[in-house]
PDB file of N, CA and C in Angstrom:
ATOM      1  N   UNK A   1       0.951  -1.418  -0.103  1.00  0.00           N
ATOM      2  CA  UNK A   1       0.137  -0.141   0.098  1.00  0.00           C
ATOM      3  C   UNK A   1       0.846   1.354  -0.047  1.00  0.00           C
ATOM      4  N   UNK A   2       0.735   2.363  -0.607  1.00  0.00           N
ATOM      5  CA  UNK A   2       1.042   3.014  -0.573  1.00  0.00           C
ATOM      6  C   UNK A   2       0.616   3.869   0.699  1.00  0.00           C
ATOM      7  N   UNK A   3       2.114   4.789  -0.329  1.00  0.00           N
ATOM      8  CA  UNK A   3       2.294   6.077   1.540  1.00  0.00           C
ATOM      9  C   UNK A   3       1.341   7.038   1.690  1.00  0.00           C
ATOM     10  N   UNK A   4       1.802   7.608   2.239  1.00  0.00           N
ATOM     11  CA  UNK A   4      -0.209   9.248   2.715  1.00  0.00           C
ATOM     12  C   UNK A   4       0.715   9.326   3.492  1.00  0.00           C
ATOM     13  N   UNK A   5       0.109  11.214   2.666  1.00  0.00           N
ATOM     14  CA  UNK A   5      -0.100  12.247   3.593  1.00  0.00           C
ATOM     15  C   UNK A   5      -0.486  12.942   3.992  1.00  0.00           C
ATOM     16  N   UNK A   6      -0.465  13.212   5.374  1.00  0.00           N
ATOM     17  CA  UNK A   6      -0.854  14.135   6.361  1.00  0.00           C
ATOM     18  C   UNK A   6      -1.415  14.852   5.966  1.00  0.00           C
ATOM     19  N   UNK A   7      -2.725  15.351   5.441  1.00  0.00           N
ATOM     20  CA  UNK A   7      -3.532  16.533   5.164  1.00  0.00           C
ATOM     21  C   UNK A   7      -4.514  17.631   6.594  1.00  0.00           C
ATOM     22  N   UNK A   8      -3.598  18.595   6.393  1.00  0.00           N
ATOM     23  CA  UNK A   8      -4.288  19.425   7.404  1.00  0.00           C
ATOM     24  C   UNK A   8      -6.397  19.544   7.051  1.00  0.00           C
ATOM     25  N   UNK A   9      -7.353  19.319   8.516  1.00  0.00           N
ATOM     26  CA  UNK A   9      -8.611  19.711   8.496  1.00  0.00           C
ATOM     27  C   UNK A   9      -9.077  20.300   7.451  1.00  0.00           C
ATOM     28  N   UNK A  10      -8.835  21.698   7.952  1.00  0.00           N
ATOM     29  CA  UNK A  10      -8.484  22.449   7.344  1.00  0.00           C
ATOM     30  C   UNK A  10      -8.807  22.710   5.754  1.00  0.00           C
ATOM     31  N   UNK A  11      -6.950  22.704   5.075  1.00  0.00           N
ATOM     32  CA  UNK A  11      -7.162  22.068   4.344  1.00  0.00           C
ATOM     33  C   UNK A  11      -8.352  21.409   2.841  1.00  0.00           C
ATOM     34  N   UNK A  12      -7.854  20.020   4.140  1.00  0.00           N
ATOM     35  CA  UNK A  12      -9.058  18.897   3.552  1.00  0.00           C
ATOM     36  C   UNK A  12     -10.319  19.540   2.631  1.00  0.00           C
ATOM     37  N   UNK A  13     -10.849  19.970   3.919  1.00  0.00           N
ATOM     38  CA  UNK A  13     -12.439  20.110   3.541  1.00  0.00           C
ATOM     39  C   UNK A  13     -12.336  21.163   2.263  1.00  0.00           C
ATOM     40  N   UNK A  14     -11.268  22.157   2.158  1.00  0.00           N
ATOM     41  CA  UNK A  14     -11.383  23.148   0.908  1.00  0.00           C
ATOM     42  C   UNK A  14     -11.091  21.968  -0.386  1.00  0.00           C
ATOM     43  N   UNK A  15      -9.757  21.256  -0.431  1.00  0.00           N
ATOM     44  CA  UNK A  15      -9.825  20.629  -1.636  1.00  0.00           C
ATOM     45  C   UNK A  15     -11.421  19.900  -1.751  1.00  0.00           C
ATOM     46  N   UNK A  16     -11.885  18.689  -0.528  1.00  0.00           N
ATOM     47  CA  UNK A  16     -13.017  17.867  -0.980  1.00  0.00           C
ATOM     48  C   UNK A  16     -14.495  19.430  -1.372  1.00  0.00           C
ATOM     49  N   UNK A  17     -14.010  20.503  -1.522  1.00  0.00           N
ATOM     50  CA  UNK A  17     -15.519  21.368  -2.400  1.00  0.00           C
ATOM     51  C   UNK A  17     -15.106  21.382  -4.087  1.00  0.00           C
ATOM     52  N   UNK A  18     -13.927  19.951  -3.972  1.00  0.00           N
ATOM     53  CA  UNK A  18     -13.205  19.937  -5.760  1.00  0.00           C
ATOM     54  C   UNK A  18     -13.382  19.089  -5.828  1.00  0.00           C
ATOM     55  N   UNK A  19     -14.345  18.096  -5.656  1.00  0.00           N
ATOM     56  CA  UNK A  19     -14.131  17.017  -5.667  1.00  0.00           C
ATOM     57  C   UNK A  19     -14.149  16.708  -5.890  1.00  0.00           C
ATOM     58  N   UNK A  20     -14.336  16.277  -7.866  1.00  0.00           N
ATOM     59  CA  UNK A  20     -13.888  16.479  -9.758  1.00  0.00           C
ATOM     60  C   UNK A  20     -12.975  15.377  -9.727  1.00  0.00           C
ATOM     61  N   UNK A  21     -11.900  14.367  -9.165  1.00  0.00           N
ATOM     62  CA  UNK A  21     -11.703  13.390  -9.606  1.00  0.00           C
ATOM     63  C   UNK A  21     -11.882  12.054  -8.920  1.00  0.00           C
ATOM     64  N   UNK A  22     -11.519  10.307  -9.747  1.00  0.00           N
ATOM     65  CA  UNK A  22     -12.191   9.505  -8.654  1.00  0.00           C
ATOM     66  C   UNK A  22     -11.308   9.453  -7.975  1.00  0.00           C
ATOM     67  N   UNK A  23     -11.582   8.327  -6.988  1.00  0.00           N
ATOM     68  CA  UNK A  23     -11.075   8.195  -5.772  1.00  0.00           C
ATOM     69  C   UNK A  23      -9.209   7.966  -5.873  1.00  0.00           C
ATOM     70  N   UNK A  24      -9.159   7.310  -6.213  1.00  0.00           N
ATOM     71  CA  UNK A  24      -7.325   7.725  -6.544  1.00  0.00           C
ATOM     72  C   UNK A  24      -6.762   8.686  -6.966  1.00  0.00           C
ATOM     73  N   UNK A  25      -7.794   9.795  -8.478  1.00  0.00           N
ATOM     74  CA  UNK A  25      -7.114  11.165  -8.807  1.00  0.00           C
ATOM     75  C   UNK A  25      -6.294  12.125  -7.315  1.00  0.00           C
ATOM     76  N   UNK A  26      -8.362  11.803  -6.765  1.00  0.00           N
ATOM     77  CA  UNK A  26      -7.977  12.489  -5.833  1.00  0.00           C
ATOM     78  C   UNK A  26      -6.802  12.218  -4.485  1.00  0.00           C
ATOM     79  N   UNK A  27      -6.989  11.489  -4.585  1.00  0.00           N
ATOM     80  CA  UNK A  27      -5.894  11.426  -3.354  1.00  0.00           C
ATOM     81  C   UNK A  27      -4.253  11.437  -4.055  1.00  0.00           C
ATOM     82  N   UNK A  28      -4.261  11.616  -5.441  1.00  0.00           N
ATOM     83  CA  UNK A  28      -3.281  12.292  -5.290  1.00  0.00           C
ATOM     84  C   UNK A  28      -3.292  13.617  -6.396  1.00  0.00           C
ATOM     85  N   UNK A  29      -4.153  14.375  -5.681  1.00  0.00           N
ATOM     86  CA  UNK A  29      -4.588  15.718  -5.843  1.00  0.00           C
ATOM     87  C   UNK A  29      -3.918  16.202  -4.810  1.00  0.00           C
ATOM     88  N   UNK A  30      -4.828  15.927  -3.891  1.00  0.00           N
ATOM     89  CA  UNK A  30      -4.668  15.935  -2.788  1.00  0.00           C
ATOM     90  C   UNK A  30      -3.202  16.396  -2.372  1.00  0.00           C
ATOM     91  N   UNK A  31      -2.667  14.849  -2.543  1.00  0.00           N
ATOM     92  CA  UNK A  31      -1.256  14.636  -2.110  1.00  0.00           C
ATOM     93  C   UNK A  31      -0.264  16.067  -2.864  1.00  0.00           C
ATOM     94  N   UNK A  32      -0.894  16.355  -3.820  1.00  0.00           N
ATOM     95  CA  UNK A  32       0.429  17.278  -4.255  1.00  0.00           C
ATOM     96  C   UNK A  32       0.087  18.515  -4.184  1.00  0.00           C
ATOM     97  N   UNK A  33      -1.613  19.133  -3.695  1.00  0.00           N
ATOM     98  CA  UNK A  33      -1.706  20.820  -3.167  1.00  0.00           C
ATOM     99  C   UNK A  33      -0.698  20.468  -1.778  1.00  0.00           C
ATOM    100  N   UNK A  34      -1.364  19.239  -0.778  1.00  0.00           N
ATOM    101  CA  UNK A  34      -0.646  19.479   0.121  1.00  0.00           C
ATOM    102  C   UNK A  34       0.897  19.615   0.047  1.00  0.00           C
ATOM    103  N   UNK A  35       1.778  19.038  -0.684  1.00  0.00           N
ATOM    104  CA  UNK A  35       3.204  19.451  -1.159  1.00  0.00           C
ATOM    105  C   UNK A  35       3.457  20.715  -1.198  1.00  0.00           C
ATOM    106  N   UNK A  36       2.640  21.121  -2.143  1.00  0.00           N
ATOM    107  CA  UNK A  36       2.834  22.959  -3.143  1.00  0.00           C
ATOM    108  C   UNK A  36       2.486  23.447  -1.690  1.00  0.00           C
ATOM    109  N   UNK A  37       1.626  23.301  -0.866  1.00  0.00           N
ATOM    110  CA  UNK A  37       1.768  24.387  -0.366  1.00  0.00           C
ATOM    111  C   UNK A  37       3.056  23.873   1.105  1.00  0.00           C
ATOM    112  N   UNK A  38       3.395  22.970   1.741  1.00  0.00           N
ATOM    113  CA  UNK A  38       4.398  22.677   2.393  1.00  0.00           C
ATOM    114  C   UNK A  38       5.683  22.557   1.623  1.00  0.00           C
ATOM    115  N   UNK A  39       5.871  22.937   0.576  1.00  0.00           N
ATOM    116  CA  UNK A  39       7.441  22.949   0.473  1.00  0.00           C
ATOM    117  C   UNK A  39       8.488  24.379   0.189  1.00  0.00           C
ATOM    118  N   UNK A  40       8.686  24.394  -0.543  1.00  0.00           N
ATOM    119  CA  UNK A  40      10.126  25.668   0.616  1.00  0.00           C
ATOM    120  C   UNK A  40      10.586  25.777  -2.059  1.00  0.00           C
ATOM    121  N   UNK A  41      10.560  24.778  -2.610  1.00  0.00           N
ATOM    122  CA  UNK A  41      11.871  25.185  -3.546  1.00  0.00           C
ATOM    123  C   UNK A  41      10.652  25.428  -3.965  1.00  0.00           C
ATOM    124  N   UNK A  42      10.632  24.693  -5.992  1.00  0.00           N
ATOM    125  CA  UNK A  42       9.743  24.876  -6.869  1.00  0.00           C
ATOM    126  C   UNK A  42       8.927  24.656  -6.870  1.00  0.00           C
ATOM    127  N   UNK A  43       7.787  24.485  -7.711  1.00  0.00           N
ATOM    128  CA  UNK A  43       6.338  24.487  -7.618  1.00  0.00           C
ATOM    129  C   UNK A  43       6.558  22.696  -8.733  1.00  0.00           C
ATOM    130  N   UNK A  44       7.633  22.189  -8.584  1.00  0.00           N
ATOM    131  CA  UNK A  44       7.540  21.265  -9.451  1.00  0.00           C
ATOM    132  C   UNK A  44       6.986  19.966  -8.712  1.00  0.00           C
ATOM    133  N   UNK A  45       6.638  18.850  -9.703  1.00  0.00           N
ATOM    134  CA  UNK A  45       6.503  18.000  -9.300  1.00  0.00           C
ATOM    135  C   UNK A  45       7.119  16.811  -8.054  1.00  0.00           C
ATOM    136  N   UNK A  46       8.646  17.198  -8.459  1.00  0.00           N
ATOM    137  CA  UNK A  46       9.340  16.314  -7.369  1.00  0.00           C
ATOM    138  C   UNK A  46       9.026  17.352  -6.510  1.00  0.00           C
ATOM    139  N   UNK A  47       9.230  19.016  -6.603  1.00  0.00           N
ATOM    140  CA  UNK A  47       9.072  19.679  -5.249  1.00  0.00           C
ATOM    141  C   UNK A  47       7.800  19.633  -4.187  1.00  0.00           C
ATOM    142  N   UNK A  48       6.809  19.368  -4.851  1.00  0.00           N
ATOM    143  CA  UNK A  48       5.364  18.392  -4.257  1.00  0.00           C
ATOM    144  C   UNK A  48       5.324  17.133  -3.634  1.00  0.00           C
ATOM    145  N   UNK A  49       6.256  16.474  -4.149  1.00  0.00           N
ATOM    146  CA  UNK A  49       6.267  15.314  -3.810  1.00  0.00           C
ATOM    147  C   UNK A  49       7.361  15.342  -2.208  1.00  0.00           C
ATOM    148  N   UNK A  50       8.547  16.771  -2.426  1.00  0.00           N
ATOM    149  CA  UNK A  50       8.820  16.751  -1.112  1.00  0.00           C
ATOM    150  C   UNK A  50       8.548  17.058  -0.140  1.00  0.00           C
ATOM    151  N   UNK A  51       7.488  17.671  -0.393  1.00  0.00           N
ATOM    152  CA  UNK A  51       6.916  18.604   0.047  1.00  0.00           C
ATOM    153  C   UNK A  51       6.137  17.856   1.227  1.00  0.00           C
ATOM    154  N   UNK A  52       5.810  16.597   0.688  1.00  0.00           N
ATOM    155  CA  UNK A  52       4.231  16.371   0.867  1.00  0.00           C
ATOM    156  C   UNK A  52       5.176  15.166   1.743  1.00  0.00           C
ATOM    157  N   UNK A  53       6.414  14.834   1.458  1.00  0.00           N
ATOM    158  CA  UNK A  53       7.075  13.472   2.458  1.00  0.00           C
ATOM    159  C   UNK A  53       6.696  12.918   1.671  1.00  0.00           C
ATOM    160  N   UNK A  54       6.482  12.297   0.392  1.00  0.00           N
ATOM    161  CA  UNK A  54       6.483  11.078  -0.271  1.00  0.00           C
ATOM    162  C   UNK A  54       7.435  11.176  -1.749  1.00  0.00           C
ATOM    163  N   UNK A  55       8.374  11.398  -1.090  1.00  0.00           N
ATOM    164  CA  UNK A  55       9.888  11.763  -2.835  1.00  0.00           C
ATOM    165  C   UNK A  55      10.096  10.125  -2.742  1.00  0.00           C
ATOM    166  N   UNK A  56      10.302   9.271  -1.450  1.00  0.00           N
ATOM    167  CA  UNK A  56      10.765   8.131  -1.451  1.00  0.00           C
ATOM    168  C   UNK A  56       9.506   7.530  -0.889  1.00  0.00           C
ATOM    169  N   UNK A  57       7.697   7.841  -0.721  1.00  0.00           N
ATOM    170  CA  UNK A  57       7.599   6.531  -0.685  1.00  0.00           C
ATOM    171  C   UNK A  57       6.358   6.141  -2.274  1.00  0.00           C
ATOM    172  N   UNK A  58       6.698   7.548  -2.972  1.00  0.00           N
ATOM    173  CA  UNK A  58       5.367   7.093  -3.856  1.00  0.00           C
ATOM    174  C   UNK A  58       6.725   7.045  -5.542  1.00  0.00           C
ATOM    175  N   UNK A  59       5.804   6.429  -6.662  1.00  0.00           N
ATOM    176  CA  UNK A  59       6.771   6.692  -8.341  1.00  0.00           C
ATOM    177  C   UNK A  59       6.883   8.487  -8.678  1.00  0.00           C
ATOM    178  N   UNK A  60       7.957   9.109  -9.214  1.00  0.00           N
ATOM    179  CA  UNK A  60       7.179  10.088  -9.594  1.00  0.00           C
ATOM    180  C   UNK A  60       6.361   9.717 -11.106  1.00  0.00           C
ATOM    181  N   UNK A  61       6.086   8.516 -11.540  1.00  0.00           N
ATOM    182  CA  UNK A  61       5.377   8.293 -12.282  1.00  0.00           C
ATOM    183  C   UNK A  61       3.874   9.062 -12.085  1.00  0.00           C
ATOM    184  N   UNK A  62       3.745   8.864 -10.874  1.00  0.00           N
ATOM    185  CA  UNK A  62       1.823   8.175 -10.412  1.00  0.00           C
ATOM    186  C   UNK A  62       1.814  10.181 -10.213  1.00  0.00           C
ATOM    187  N   UNK A  63       2.629  10.459 -10.485  1.00  0.00           N
ATOM    188  CA  UNK A  63       2.005  12.005 -10.331  1.00  0.00           C
ATOM    189  C   UNK A  63       2.536  12.642 -11.204  1.00  0.00           C
ATOM    190  N   UNK A  64       3.689  12.058 -12.202  1.00  0.00           N
ATOM    191  CA  UNK A  64       3.093  12.849 -13.079  1.00  0.00           C
ATOM    192  C   UNK A  64       2.043  12.434 -14.153  1.00  0.00           C
ATOM    193  N   UNK A  65       1.633  11.588 -13.897  1.00  0.00           N
ATOM    194  CA  UNK A  65       0.725  10.041 -15.028  1.00  0.00           C
ATOM    195  C   UNK A  65      -0.153  11.519 -13.825  1.00  0.00           C
ATOM    196  N   UNK A  66      -1.051  12.243 -13.335  1.00  0.00           N
ATOM    197  CA  UNK A  66      -1.223  12.594 -13.477  1.00  0.00           C
ATOM    198  C   UNK A  66      -1.385  14.228 -13.621  1.00  0.00           C
ATOM    199  N   UNK A  67      -1.361  14.872 -14.303  1.00  0.00           N
ATOM    200  CA  UNK A  67      -1.325  15.786 -14.447  1.00  0.00           C
ATOM    201  C   UNK A  67      -0.836  16.337 -16.247  1.00  0.00           C
ATOM    202  N   UNK A  68      -0.757  14.955 -16.917  1.00  0.00           N
ATOM    203  CA  UNK A  68      -0.649  14.966 -18.255  1.00  0.00           C
ATOM    204  C   UNK A  68      -1.881  13.521 -18.728  1.00  0.00           C
ATOM    205  N   UNK A  69      -2.665  14.542 -19.324  1.00  0.00           N
ATOM    206  CA  UNK A  69      -3.815  13.273 -19.580  1.00  0.00           C
ATOM    207  C   UNK A  69      -3.579  12.919 -20.918  1.00  0.00           C
ATOM    208  N   UNK A  70      -4.314  12.323 -21.465  1.00  0.00           N
ATOM    209  CA  UNK A  70      -3.881  12.434 -22.505  1.00  0.00           C
ATOM    210  C   UNK A  70      -4.621  13.273 -23.423  1.00  0.00           C
ATOM    211  N   UNK A  71      -3.720  13.147 -24.723  1.00  0.00           N
ATOM    212  CA  UNK A  71      -3.526  14.282 -25.671  1.00  0.00           C
ATOM    213  C   UNK A  71      -5.157  13.938 -26.129  1.00  0.00           C
ATOM    214  N   UNK A  72      -5.192  15.516 -26.095  1.00  0.00           N
ATOM    215  CA  UNK A  72      -6.945  15.483 -27.025  1.00  0.00           C
ATOM    216  C   UNK A  72      -7.639  16.349 -26.030  1.00  0.00           C
ATOM    217  N   UNK A  73      -8.172  14.728 -24.916  1.00  0.00           N
ATOM    218  CA  UNK A  73      -8.915  14.923 -24.107  1.00  0.00           C
ATOM    219  C   UNK A  73      -9.355  16.326 -23.171  1.00  0.00           C
ATOM    220  N   UNK A  74     -10.395  16.379 -22.440  1.00  0.00           N
ATOM    221  CA  UNK A  74     -10.365  17.700 -21.438  1.00  0.00           C
ATOM    222  C   UNK A  74      -9.943  16.942 -20.301  1.00  0.00           C
ATOM    223  N   UNK A  75      -9.645  17.736 -19.290  1.00  0.00           N
ATOM    224  CA  UNK A  75      -8.983  17.731 -17.776  1.00  0.00           C
ATOM    225  C   UNK A  75     -10.404  18.694 -17.099  1.00  0.00           C
ATOM    226  N   UNK A  76     -10.454  18.033 -16.153  1.00  0.00           N
ATOM    227  CA  UNK A  76     -11.274  18.363 -14.971  1.00  0.00           C
ATOM    228  C   UNK A  76     -10.734  20.481 -14.761  1.00  0.00           C
ATOM    229  N   UNK A  77      -9.311  19.995 -14.685  1.00  0.00           N
ATOM    230  CA  UNK A  77      -8.890  21.587 -13.797  1.00  0.00           C
ATOM    231  C   UNK A  77      -9.315  23.393 -14.101  1.00  0.00           C
ATOM    232  N   UNK A  78     -10.274  23.068 -15.208  1.00  0.00           N
ATOM    233  CA  UNK A  78     -10.927  23.923 -15.911  1.00  0.00           C
ATOM    234  C   UNK A  78     -12.291  24.603 -15.166  1.00  0.00           C
ATOM    235  N   UNK A  79     -12.669  22.772 -15.114  1.00  0.00           N
ATOM    236  CA  UNK A  79     -13.667  22.600 -14.467  1.00  0.00           C
ATOM    237  C   UNK A  79     -13.886  23.241 -12.995  1.00  0.00           C
ATOM    238  N   UNK A  80     -13.410  22.959 -12.207  1.00  0.00           N
ATOM    239  CA  UNK A  80     -12.989  23.681 -10.941  1.00  0.00           C
ATOM    240  C   UNK A  80     -12.555  24.890 -10.558  1.00  0.00           C
ATOM    241  N   UNK A  81     -11.814  25.382 -11.020  1.00  0.00           N
ATOM    242  CA  UNK A  81     -12.003  26.329 -10.157  1.00  0.00           C
ATOM    243  C   UNK A  81     -12.378  28.027 -10.867  1.00  0.00           C
ATOM    244  N   UNK A  82     -13.360  28.216  -9.858  1.00  0.00           N
ATOM    245  CA  UNK A  82     -14.340  29.618  -9.893  1.00  0.00           C
ATOM    246  C   UNK A  82     -13.256  30.239 -10.336  1.00  0.00           C
ATOM    247  N   UNK A  83     -14.740  31.379 -10.797  1.00  0.00           N
ATOM    248  CA  UNK A  83     -13.991  32.560 -11.156  1.00  0.00           C
ATOM    249  C   UNK A  83     -14.136  34.352 -11.383  1.00  0.00           C
TER     250      UNK A  83
END
């Protein structure tokens, strides 16, 4: 079983409003956002995994695959950010 990240309840409440992903996708999304907030370096996939404490626990391709959908398909990103 892959390692998990401790997500503050307040952040989880906000991210829960953006629940447009499958359960595995939401787990990856939550870990990446938590890592982005926690890390002090660049906002790269490696930086987010390091910030979340998952750099050695998760395969990097899991995070890269989350951000790269198949070519020509729409992603839920546009529908989850209020303007």
